[in-house]
PDB file of all heavy atoms in Angstrom:
ATOM      1  N   VAL A   1      -2.125   5.062  -7.578  1.00  0.00           N
ATOM      2  CA  VAL A   1      -1.131   5.975  -7.022  1.00  0.00           C
ATOM      3  C   VAL A   1       0.250   5.324  -6.922  1.00  0.00           C
ATOM      4  O   VAL A   1       1.278   6.002  -6.988  1.00  0.00           O
ATOM      5  CB  VAL A   1      -1.588   6.514  -5.638  1.00  0.00           C
ATOM      6  CG1 VAL A   1      -1.529   5.419  -4.571  1.00  0.00           C
ATOM      7  CG2 VAL A   1      -0.765   7.719  -5.212  1.00  0.00           C
ATOM      8  N   LEU A   2       0.290   4.006  -6.816  1.00  0.00           N
ATOM      9  CA  LEU A   2       1.553   3.274  -6.747  1.00  0.00           C
ATOM     10  C   LEU A   2       2.427   3.549  -7.968  1.00  0.00           C
ATOM     11  O   LEU A   2       3.657   3.542  -7.877  1.00  0.00           O
ATOM     12  CB  LEU A   2       1.260   1.772  -6.627  1.00  0.00           C
ATOM     13  CG  LEU A   2       2.438   0.822  -6.424  1.00  0.00           C
ATOM     14  CD1 LEU A   2       3.191   1.156  -5.138  1.00  0.00           C
ATOM     15  CD2 LEU A   2       1.951  -0.628  -6.393  1.00  0.00           C
ATOM     16  N   TYR A   3       1.796   3.812  -9.114  1.00  0.00           N
ATOM     17  CA  TYR A   3       2.543   4.067 -10.350  1.00  0.00           C
ATOM     18  C   TYR A   3       2.574   5.540 -10.703  1.00  0.00           C
ATOM     19  O   TYR A   3       3.189   5.932 -11.687  1.00  0.00           O
ATOM     20  CB  TYR A   3       1.964   3.219 -11.491  1.00  0.00           C
ATOM     21  CG  TYR A   3       2.071   1.752 -11.152  1.00  0.00           C
ATOM     22  CD1 TYR A   3       0.964   1.039 -10.681  1.00  0.00           C
ATOM     23  CD2 TYR A   3       3.291   1.084 -11.234  1.00  0.00           C
ATOM     24  CE1 TYR A   3       1.069  -0.298 -10.329  1.00  0.00           C
ATOM     25  CE2 TYR A   3       3.408  -0.246 -10.880  1.00  0.00           C
ATOM     26  CZ  TYR A   3       2.300  -0.930 -10.421  1.00  0.00           C
ATOM     27  OH  TYR A   3       2.416  -2.250 -10.065  1.00  0.00           O
ATOM     28  N   HIS A   4       1.884   6.339  -9.917  1.00  0.00           N
ATOM     29  CA  HIS A   4       1.933   7.801 -10.086  1.00  0.00           C
ATOM     30  C   HIS A   4       3.035   8.388  -9.207  1.00  0.00           C
ATOM     31  O   HIS A   4       3.824   9.218  -9.657  1.00  0.00           O
ATOM     32  CB  HIS A   4       0.571   8.402  -9.721  1.00  0.00           C
ATOM     33  CG  HIS A   4       0.516   9.891  -9.779  1.00  0.00           C
ATOM     34  ND1 HIS A   4       0.924  10.612 -10.886  1.00  0.00           N
ATOM     35  CD2 HIS A   4       0.098  10.810  -8.858  1.00  0.00           C
ATOM     36  CE1 HIS A   4       0.767  11.904 -10.643  1.00  0.00           C
ATOM     37  NE2 HIS A   4       0.276  12.045  -9.422  1.00  0.00           N
ATOM     38  N   ASP A   5       3.083   7.939  -7.964  1.00  0.00           N
ATOM     39  CA  ASP A   5       4.134   8.382  -7.040  1.00  0.00           C
ATOM     40  C   ASP A   5       4.269   7.321  -5.950  1.00  0.00           C
ATOM     41  O   ASP A   5       3.554   7.345  -4.952  1.00  0.00           O
ATOM     42  CB  ASP A   5       3.776   9.738  -6.428  1.00  0.00           C
ATOM     43  CG  ASP A   5       4.890  10.301  -5.544  1.00  0.00           C
ATOM     44  OD1 ASP A   5       5.846   9.547  -5.266  1.00  0.00           O
ATOM     45  OD2 ASP A   5       4.791  11.456  -5.123  1.00  0.00           O
ATOM     46  N   LYS A   6       5.193   6.380  -6.158  1.00  0.00           N
ATOM     47  CA  LYS A   6       5.278   5.213  -5.271  1.00  0.00           C
ATOM     48  C   LYS A   6       5.797   5.535  -3.878  1.00  0.00           C
ATOM     49  O   LYS A   6       5.658   4.712  -2.961  1.00  0.00           O
ATOM     50  CB  LYS A   6       6.146   4.125  -5.907  1.00  0.00           C
ATOM     51  CG  LYS A   6       7.605   4.490  -6.086  1.00  0.00           C
ATOM     52  CD  LYS A   6       8.354   3.355  -6.758  1.00  0.00           C
ATOM     53  CE  LYS A   6       9.827   3.700  -6.943  1.00  0.00           C
ATOM     54  NZ  LYS A   6      10.543   2.617  -7.655  1.00  0.00           N
ATOM     55  N   ILE A   7       6.381   6.730  -3.699  1.00  0.00           N
ATOM     56  CA  ILE A   7       6.874   7.081  -2.361  1.00  0.00           C
ATOM     57  C   ILE A   7       5.912   8.019  -1.617  1.00  0.00           C
ATOM     58  O   ILE A   7       6.221   8.497  -0.532  1.00  0.00           O
ATOM     59  CB  ILE A   7       8.290   7.698  -2.411  1.00  0.00           C
ATOM     60  CG1 ILE A   7       8.283   9.018  -3.190  1.00  0.00           C
ATOM     61  CG2 ILE A   7       9.294   6.715  -3.000  1.00  0.00           C
ATOM     62  CD1 ILE A   7       9.582   9.804  -3.055  1.00  0.00           C
ATOM     63  N   SER A   8       4.752   8.274  -2.211  1.00  0.00           N
ATOM     64  CA  SER A   8       3.764   9.135  -1.553  1.00  0.00           C
ATOM     65  C   SER A   8       3.158   8.412  -0.352  1.00  0.00           C
ATOM     66  O   SER A   8       3.182   7.182  -0.253  1.00  0.00           O
ATOM     67  CB  SER A   8       2.648   9.520  -2.528  1.00  0.00           C
ATOM     68  OG  SER A   8       1.899   8.377  -2.902  1.00  0.00           O
ATOM     69  N   LYS A   9       2.599   9.198   0.561  1.00  0.00           N
ATOM     70  CA  LYS A   9       1.952   8.615   1.750  1.00  0.00           C
ATOM     71  C   LYS A   9       0.779   7.720   1.355  1.00  0.00           C
ATOM     72  O   LYS A   9       0.529   6.691   1.985  1.00  0.00           O
ATOM     73  CB  LYS A   9       1.474   9.723   2.686  1.00  0.00           C
ATOM     74  CG  LYS A   9       2.589  10.449   3.424  1.00  0.00           C
ATOM     75  CD  LYS A   9       2.026  11.504   4.371  1.00  0.00           C
ATOM     76  CE  LYS A   9       3.139  12.213   5.134  1.00  0.00           C
ATOM     77  NZ  LYS A   9       2.597  13.249   6.050  1.00  0.00           N
ATOM     78  N   GLY A  10       0.062   8.125   0.300  1.00  0.00           N
ATOM     79  CA  GLY A  10      -1.086   7.339  -0.158  1.00  0.00           C
ATOM     80  C   GLY A  10      -0.667   5.969  -0.668  1.00  0.00           C
ATOM     81  O   GLY A  10      -1.285   4.949  -0.341  1.00  0.00           O
ATOM     82  N   ALA A  11       0.399   5.935  -1.477  1.00  0.00           N
ATOM     83  CA  ALA A  11       0.890   4.660  -2.023  1.00  0.00           C
ATOM     84  C   ALA A  11       1.359   3.743  -0.898  1.00  0.00           C
ATOM     85  O   ALA A  11       1.043   2.542  -0.869  1.00  0.00           O
ATOM     86  CB  ALA A  11       2.029   4.920  -3.007  1.00  0.00           C
ATOM     87  N   LYS A  12       2.089   4.304   0.052  1.00  0.00           N
ATOM     88  CA  LYS A  12       2.598   3.506   1.177  1.00  0.00           C
ATOM     89  C   LYS A  12       1.452   2.962   2.024  1.00  0.00           C
ATOM     90  O   LYS A  12       1.512   1.827   2.515  1.00  0.00           O
ATOM     91  CB  LYS A  12       3.544   4.351   2.029  1.00  0.00           C
ATOM     92  CG  LYS A  12       4.874   4.659   1.338  1.00  0.00           C
ATOM     93  CD  LYS A  12       5.748   5.568   2.202  1.00  0.00           C
ATOM     94  CE  LYS A  12       7.069   5.871   1.520  1.00  0.00           C
ATOM     95  NZ  LYS A  12       7.898   6.814   2.322  1.00  0.00           N
ATOM     96  N   ALA A  13       0.395   3.761   2.184  1.00  0.00           N
ATOM     97  CA  ALA A  13      -0.745   3.325   2.999  1.00  0.00           C
ATOM     98  C   ALA A  13      -1.455   2.136   2.349  1.00  0.00           C
ATOM     99  O   ALA A  13      -1.805   1.167   3.035  1.00  0.00           O
ATOM    100  CB  ALA A  13      -1.720   4.482   3.204  1.00  0.00           C
ATOM    101  N   TYR A  14      -1.657   2.184   1.028  1.00  0.00           N
ATOM    102  CA  TYR A  14      -2.354   1.072   0.372  1.00  0.00           C
ATOM    103  C   TYR A  14      -1.485  -0.175   0.280  1.00  0.00           C
ATOM    104  O   TYR A  14      -2.004  -1.298   0.333  1.00  0.00           O
ATOM    105  CB  TYR A  14      -2.897   1.506  -0.996  1.00  0.00           C
ATOM    106  CG  TYR A  14      -4.215   2.238  -0.848  1.00  0.00           C
ATOM    107  CD1 TYR A  14      -4.320   3.603  -1.089  1.00  0.00           C
ATOM    108  CD2 TYR A  14      -5.354   1.563  -0.418  1.00  0.00           C
ATOM    109  CE1 TYR A  14      -5.525   4.275  -0.913  1.00  0.00           C
ATOM    110  CE2 TYR A  14      -6.561   2.218  -0.247  1.00  0.00           C
ATOM    111  CZ  TYR A  14      -6.638   3.575  -0.493  1.00  0.00           C
ATOM    112  OH  TYR A  14      -7.839   4.218  -0.305  1.00  0.00           O
ATOM    113  N   LEU A  15      -0.181  -0.011   0.164  1.00  0.00           N
ATOM    114  CA  LEU A  15       0.713  -1.174   0.238  1.00  0.00           C
ATOM    115  C   LEU A  15       0.619  -1.815   1.626  1.00  0.00           C
ATOM    116  O   LEU A  15       0.604  -3.039   1.760  1.00  0.00           O
ATOM    117  CB  LEU A  15       2.152  -0.756  -0.055  1.00  0.00           C
ATOM    118  CG  LEU A  15       2.487  -0.468  -1.528  1.00  0.00           C
ATOM    119  CD1 LEU A  15       3.864   0.173  -1.642  1.00  0.00           C
ATOM    120  CD2 LEU A  15       2.420  -1.757  -2.368  1.00  0.00           C
ATOM    121  N   ALA A  16       0.519  -0.967   2.662  1.00  0.00           N
ATOM    122  CA  ALA A  16       0.372  -1.477   4.033  1.00  0.00           C
ATOM    123  C   ALA A  16      -0.958  -2.200   4.205  1.00  0.00           C
ATOM    124  O   ALA A  16      -1.037  -3.247   4.870  1.00  0.00           O
ATOM    125  CB  ALA A  16       0.488  -0.324   5.029  1.00  0.00           C
ATOM    126  N   LEU A  17      -2.019  -1.665   3.595  1.00  0.00           N
ATOM    127  CA  LEU A  17      -3.330  -2.308   3.684  1.00  0.00           C
ATOM    128  C   LEU A  17      -3.303  -3.676   3.006  1.00  0.00           C
ATOM    129  O   LEU A  17      -3.842  -4.652   3.538  1.00  0.00           O
ATOM    130  CB  LEU A  17      -4.400  -1.418   3.038  1.00  0.00           C
ATOM    131  CG  LEU A  17      -5.823  -1.992   3.026  1.00  0.00           C
ATOM    132  CD1 LEU A  17      -6.354  -2.178   4.445  1.00  0.00           C
ATOM    133  CD2 LEU A  17      -6.762  -1.079   2.225  1.00  0.00           C
ATOM    134  N   ALA A  18      -2.661  -3.758   1.833  1.00  0.00           N
ATOM    135  CA  ALA A  18      -2.538  -5.044   1.140  1.00  0.00           C
ATOM    136  C   ALA A  18      -1.770  -6.033   2.009  1.00  0.00           C
ATOM    137  O   ALA A  18      -2.149  -7.214   2.125  1.00  0.00           O
ATOM    138  CB  ALA A  18      -1.836  -4.859  -0.201  1.00  0.00           C
ATOM    139  N   GLY A  19      -0.711  -5.553   2.651  1.00  0.00           N
ATOM    140  CA  GLY A  19       0.059  -6.407   3.545  1.00  0.00           C
ATOM    141  C   GLY A  19      -0.771  -6.898   4.713  1.00  0.00           C
ATOM    142  O   GLY A  19      -0.678  -8.072   5.117  1.00  0.00           O
ATOM    143  N   GLU A  20      -1.622  -6.022   5.242  1.00  0.00           N
ATOM    144  CA  GLU A  20      -2.485  -6.407   6.368  1.00  0.00           C
ATOM    145  C   GLU A  20      -3.493  -7.473   5.939  1.00  0.00           C
ATOM    146  O   GLU A  20      -3.740  -8.439   6.663  1.00  0.00           O
ATOM    147  CB  GLU A  20      -3.209  -5.157   6.889  1.00  0.00           C
ATOM    148  CG  GLU A  20      -3.892  -5.362   8.220  1.00  0.00           C
ATOM    149  CD  GLU A  20      -4.450  -4.081   8.827  1.00  0.00           C
ATOM    150  OE1 GLU A  20      -4.009  -2.975   8.445  1.00  0.00           O
ATOM    151  OE2 GLU A  20      -5.336  -4.193   9.700  1.00  0.00           O
ATOM    152  N   LEU A  21      -4.046  -7.313   4.735  1.00  0.00           N
ATOM    153  CA  LEU A  21      -4.994  -8.284   4.196  1.00  0.00           C
ATOM    154  C   LEU A  21      -4.332  -9.658   4.010  1.00  0.00           C
ATOM    155  O   LEU A  21      -4.891 -10.692   4.380  1.00  0.00           O
ATOM    156  CB  LEU A  21      -5.538  -7.799   2.847  1.00  0.00           C
ATOM    157  CG  LEU A  21      -7.053  -7.616   2.736  1.00  0.00           C
ATOM    158  CD1 LEU A  21      -7.481  -6.440   3.611  1.00  0.00           C
ATOM    159  CD2 LEU A  21      -7.460  -7.362   1.292  1.00  0.00           C
ATOM    160  N   LEU A  22      -3.139  -9.642   3.438  1.00  0.00           N
ATOM    161  CA  LEU A  22      -2.410 -10.886   3.178  1.00  0.00           C
ATOM    162  C   LEU A  22      -2.020 -11.564   4.493  1.00  0.00           C
ATOM    163  O   LEU A  22      -2.081 -12.796   4.616  1.00  0.00           O
ATOM    164  CB  LEU A  22      -1.168 -10.615   2.325  1.00  0.00           C
ATOM    165  CG  LEU A  22      -1.456 -10.177   0.882  1.00  0.00           C
ATOM    166  CD1 LEU A  22      -0.194  -9.677   0.208  1.00  0.00           C
ATOM    167  CD2 LEU A  22      -2.061 -11.328   0.075  1.00  0.00           C
ATOM    168  N   ASN A  23      -1.634 -10.761   5.463  1.00  0.00           N
ATOM    169  CA  ASN A  23      -1.266 -11.307   6.771  1.00  0.00           C
ATOM    170  C   ASN A  23      -2.474 -11.941   7.469  1.00  0.00           C
ATOM    171  O   ASN A  23      -2.376 -13.028   8.042  1.00  0.00           O
ATOM    172  CB  ASN A  23      -0.681 -10.177   7.640  1.00  0.00           C
ATOM    173  CG  ASN A  23      -0.111 -10.696   8.953  1.00  0.00           C
ATOM    174  OD1 ASN A  23       0.599 -11.685   8.977  1.00  0.00           O
ATOM    175  ND2 ASN A  23      -0.432 -10.021  10.042  1.00  0.00           N
ATOM    176  N   ASN A  24      -3.627 -11.262   7.386  1.00  0.00           N
ATOM    177  CA  ASN A  24      -4.860 -11.805   7.973  1.00  0.00           C
ATOM    178  C   ASN A  24      -5.256 -13.111   7.292  1.00  0.00           C
ATOM    179  O   ASN A  24      -5.709 -14.057   7.937  1.00  0.00           O
ATOM    180  CB  ASN A  24      -6.005 -10.797   7.867  1.00  0.00           C
ATOM    181  CG  ASN A  24      -5.803  -9.580   8.763  1.00  0.00           C
ATOM    182  OD1 ASN A  24      -4.969  -9.613   9.674  1.00  0.00           O
ATOM    183  ND2 ASN A  24      -6.539  -8.519   8.517  1.00  0.00           N
ATOM    184  N   ALA A  25      -5.092 -13.147   5.949  1.00  0.00           N
ATOM    185  CA  ALA A  25      -5.464 -14.344   5.190  1.00  0.00           C
ATOM    186  C   ALA A  25      -4.568 -15.524   5.566  1.00  0.00           C
ATOM    187  O   ALA A  25      -5.044 -16.664   5.654  1.00  0.00           O
ATOM    188  CB  ALA A  25      -5.359 -14.065   3.692  1.00  0.00           C
TER     189      ALA A  25
END
């Protein structure tokens, strides 16, 4: 979805999840 519509709520949510994973790591 990041490359389908990068400003969609779905894309933003998964970017946030990746950020949370990286922060935890």
